[in-house]
């Protein structure tokens, strides 16, 4: 069966158009950096409001938990857990699990990452299983991370732990009130 004359002309036209678009594409200069910048600008423009709303909502729900203070700084939320809320003196065993469980349940649905930091005062450890405040602060942070993963069901890939001993004091260690403020666990939630 022989093609009709109009079909031959149509096939020739399609061939010419295809050749034209191939040449046009090969001669164009695609700037991938500009495409990435435009893409990031669109994500930032449309995603910021949702993150801000999520941050305000999470702050309100965390501050409703007794004994826990939370505040926003940029895109992060900082939660301060005093050691008296979680631990006995010189111990890394969590004793008040109910407040931490309530907090963990609120954090479970959040996106982003959660960093847990252990802090101590500058009084050296006299007895117990820890030879220094570094080990105590690190074990306290690790125990909170384990609790959040095991008891609250938070994805372990989102969690990290660090111990800082008395290197990041927020108050003077010269008074018992200041030392009490320095003995804490910080949880830093990054919603990005």
Protein backbone atom coordinates (compact mmCIF):
# COMPACT_ATOMS: atom_id res chain seq x y z
CA UNK A 1 0.00 0.00 0.00
CA UNK A 2 1.39 3.29 -1.13
CA UNK A 3 1.12 6.43 1.05
CA UNK A 4 -1.08 9.14 -0.32
CA UNK A 5 0.50 12.40 -1.38
CA UNK A 6 -0.89 14.42 1.53
CA UNK A 7 0.56 11.85 3.99
CA UNK A 8 4.01 12.26 2.44
CA UNK A 9 3.78 16.04 2.81
CA UNK A 10 2.61 15.69 6.43
CA UNK A 11 5.50 13.33 7.30
CA UNK A 12 7.97 15.74 5.67
CA UNK A 13 6.50 18.63 7.73
CA UNK A 14 6.85 16.65 10.99
CA UNK A 15 10.45 15.78 10.12
CA UNK A 16 11.29 19.42 9.44
CA UNK A 17 9.60 20.54 12.74
CA UNK A 18 11.45 17.89 14.73
CA UNK A 19 14.76 18.98 13.20
CA UNK A 20 13.94 22.64 13.98
CA UNK A 21 13.19 21.92 17.68
CA UNK A 22 16.33 19.78 18.06
CA UNK A 23 18.45 22.62 16.65
CA UNK A 24 16.66 25.16 18.84
CA UNK A 25 17.25 23.09 21.99
CA UNK A 26 20.91 22.45 21.15
CA UNK A 27 21.60 26.18 20.63
CA UNK A 28 19.84 27.35 23.80
CA UNK A 29 21.83 28.11 26.95
CA UNK A 30 20.15 26.57 29.99
CA UNK A 31 21.36 28.12 33.24
CA UNK A 32 20.76 25.50 35.95
CA UNK A 33 21.74 27.92 38.73
CA UNK A 34 18.95 30.28 37.75
CA UNK A 35 16.48 27.40 37.61
CA UNK A 36 17.55 26.28 41.12
CA UNK A 37 17.26 29.84 42.46
CA UNK A 38 13.77 30.21 41.04
CA UNK A 39 12.77 26.84 42.46
CA UNK A 40 14.10 27.67 45.94
CA UNK A 41 12.41 31.07 45.86
CA UNK A 42 9.08 29.44 45.05
CA UNK A 43 9.47 26.89 47.86
CA UNK A 44 10.44 29.63 50.30
CA UNK A 45 7.57 31.87 49.25
CA UNK A 46 4.94 29.18 49.54
CA UNK A 47 6.38 27.13 52.44
CA UNK A 48 7.24 29.79 55.05
CA UNK A 49 3.70 30.43 56.23
CA UNK A 50 3.11 26.76 56.92
CA UNK A 51 6.35 26.49 58.94
CA UNK A 52 5.53 29.63 60.94
CA UNK A 53 2.05 28.34 61.76
CA UNK A 54 3.48 24.97 62.76
CA UNK A 55 6.08 26.67 64.97
CA UNK A 56 3.48 28.80 66.80
CA UNK A 57 1.19 25.81 67.31
CA UNK A 58 4.04 23.62 68.61
CA UNK A 59 5.25 26.37 70.97
CA UNK A 60 1.80 26.77 72.48
CA UNK A 61 1.33 23.03 72.99
CA UNK A 62 4.80 22.58 74.57
CA UNK A 63 4.39 25.54 76.93
CA UNK A 64 1.11 24.00 78.12
CA UNK A 65 3.11 21.10 79.63
CA UNK A 66 3.92 21.84 83.28
CA UNK A 67 7.55 22.61 84.16
CA UNK A 68 8.70 22.91 80.55
CA UNK A 69 9.70 26.19 78.93
CA UNK A 70 9.92 26.62 75.16
CA UNK A 71 10.84 29.59 73.01
CA UNK A 72 11.38 30.23 69.33
CA UNK A 73 14.57 31.51 67.77
CA UNK A 74 14.51 31.79 64.01
CA UNK A 75 13.27 28.49 62.57
CA UNK A 76 14.18 26.56 65.75
CA UNK A 77 12.30 25.90 68.97
CA UNK A 78 14.35 25.62 72.17
CA UNK A 79 12.88 23.54 74.99
CA UNK A 80 14.52 23.66 78.43
CA UNK A 81 14.00 20.73 80.78
CA UNK A 82 15.41 21.41 84.27
CA UNK A 83 17.24 18.42 85.74
CA UNK A 84 14.79 18.33 88.66
CA UNK A 85 12.05 17.50 86.14
CA UNK A 86 13.88 14.42 84.84
CA UNK A 87 16.76 13.28 87.04
CA UNK A 88 17.98 12.75 90.56
CA UNK A 89 21.26 14.32 91.64
CA UNK A 90 24.25 12.81 89.82
CA UNK A 91 22.02 10.33 87.97
CA UNK A 92 21.16 9.84 84.32
CA UNK A 93 18.11 7.66 85.00
CA UNK A 94 14.89 9.41 83.99
CA UNK A 95 12.55 9.46 86.98
CA UNK A 96 9.71 11.74 85.83
CA UNK A 97 8.75 10.07 82.57
CA UNK A 98 5.23 11.48 82.31
CA UNK A 99 6.30 15.02 81.36
CA UNK A 100 8.85 13.70 78.87
CA UNK A 101 6.25 11.32 77.39
CA UNK A 102 3.79 14.22 76.95
CA UNK A 103 6.50 16.30 75.28
CA UNK A 104 7.56 13.39 73.05
CA UNK A 105 4.01 12.83 71.88
CA UNK A 106 3.85 16.49 70.80
CA UNK A 107 7.19 16.23 68.98
CA UNK A 108 6.32 13.01 67.17
CA UNK A 109 4.31 14.73 64.43
CA UNK A 110 6.83 17.48 63.73
CA UNK A 111 9.12 17.45 60.74
CA UNK A 112 12.76 18.39 60.87
CA UNK A 113 15.36 17.29 63.38
CA UNK A 114 15.55 17.11 67.17
CA UNK A 115 18.86 17.67 68.97
CA UNK A 116 19.10 16.84 72.67
CA UNK A 117 21.83 18.57 74.72
CA UNK A 118 22.83 17.60 78.27
CA UNK A 119 24.27 20.26 80.60
CA UNK A 120 25.58 20.18 84.18
CA UNK A 121 26.87 22.64 86.76
CA UNK A 122 30.58 22.91 87.60
CA UNK A 123 30.49 20.81 90.78
CA UNK A 124 32.68 17.73 90.23
CA UNK A 125 31.07 14.32 90.63
CA UNK A 126 32.15 12.71 93.90
CA UNK A 127 30.61 9.26 93.47
CA UNK A 128 28.57 7.11 91.15
CA UNK A 129 29.09 5.50 87.76
CA UNK A 130 30.27 8.71 86.05
CA UNK A 131 33.83 9.93 86.33
CA UNK A 132 33.07 13.44 85.08
CA UNK A 133 30.29 15.89 84.29
CA UNK A 134 31.02 15.29 80.60
CA UNK A 135 29.97 11.67 80.88
CA UNK A 136 26.93 12.54 83.01
CA UNK A 137 25.68 15.24 80.62
CA UNK A 138 26.20 13.00 77.59
CA UNK A 139 24.43 10.03 79.17
CA UNK A 140 21.48 12.22 80.17
CA UNK A 141 21.12 13.42 76.56
CA UNK A 142 21.45 9.88 75.22
CA UNK A 143 18.80 8.61 77.67
CA UNK A 144 16.36 11.31 76.53
CA UNK A 145 17.00 10.38 72.88
CA UNK A 146 16.43 6.68 73.67
CA UNK A 147 13.22 7.53 75.51
CA UNK A 148 11.92 9.69 72.65
CA UNK A 149 12.66 6.93 70.14
CA UNK A 150 11.55 3.91 72.18
CA UNK A 151 8.66 5.25 74.26
CA UNK A 152 7.32 8.03 72.01
CA UNK A 153 7.93 6.48 68.60
CA UNK A 154 10.00 9.34 67.16
CA UNK A 155 12.10 8.32 64.17
CA UNK A 156 15.68 7.79 65.45
CA UNK A 157 17.05 9.29 62.21
CA UNK A 158 15.62 12.66 63.34
CA UNK A 159 17.33 12.52 66.75
CA UNK A 160 20.82 13.38 67.95
CA UNK A 161 22.46 13.75 71.39
CA UNK A 162 25.34 15.83 72.74
CA UNK A 163 26.80 16.43 76.20
CA UNK A 164 28.36 19.77 77.15
CA UNK A 165 28.99 19.38 80.92
CA UNK A 166 29.46 22.88 82.38
CA UNK A 167 30.92 24.44 79.22
CA UNK A 168 27.71 26.25 78.22
CA UNK A 169 26.44 27.75 81.44
CA UNK A 170 23.41 30.04 81.36
CA UNK A 171 23.85 31.29 84.93
CA UNK A 172 26.61 31.75 87.48
CA UNK A 173 27.80 28.60 89.22
CA UNK A 174 28.56 30.67 92.35
CA UNK A 175 25.04 30.23 93.76
CA UNK A 176 22.84 27.19 94.23
CA UNK A 177 20.11 28.86 92.12
CA UNK A 178 22.56 29.43 89.26
CA UNK A 179 23.85 25.85 89.45
CA UNK A 180 20.25 24.59 89.35
CA UNK A 181 19.63 26.58 86.15
CA UNK A 182 22.78 25.15 84.58
CA UNK A 183 21.72 21.55 85.27
CA UNK A 184 19.34 21.04 82.36
CA UNK A 185 18.55 19.22 79.14
CA UNK A 186 17.89 21.35 76.08
CA UNK A 187 15.88 20.02 73.17
CA UNK A 188 16.35 21.96 69.93
CA UNK A 189 13.70 21.34 67.31
CA UNK A 190 14.54 22.42 63.78
CA UNK A 191 11.39 22.58 61.65
CA UNK A 192 13.25 23.11 58.37
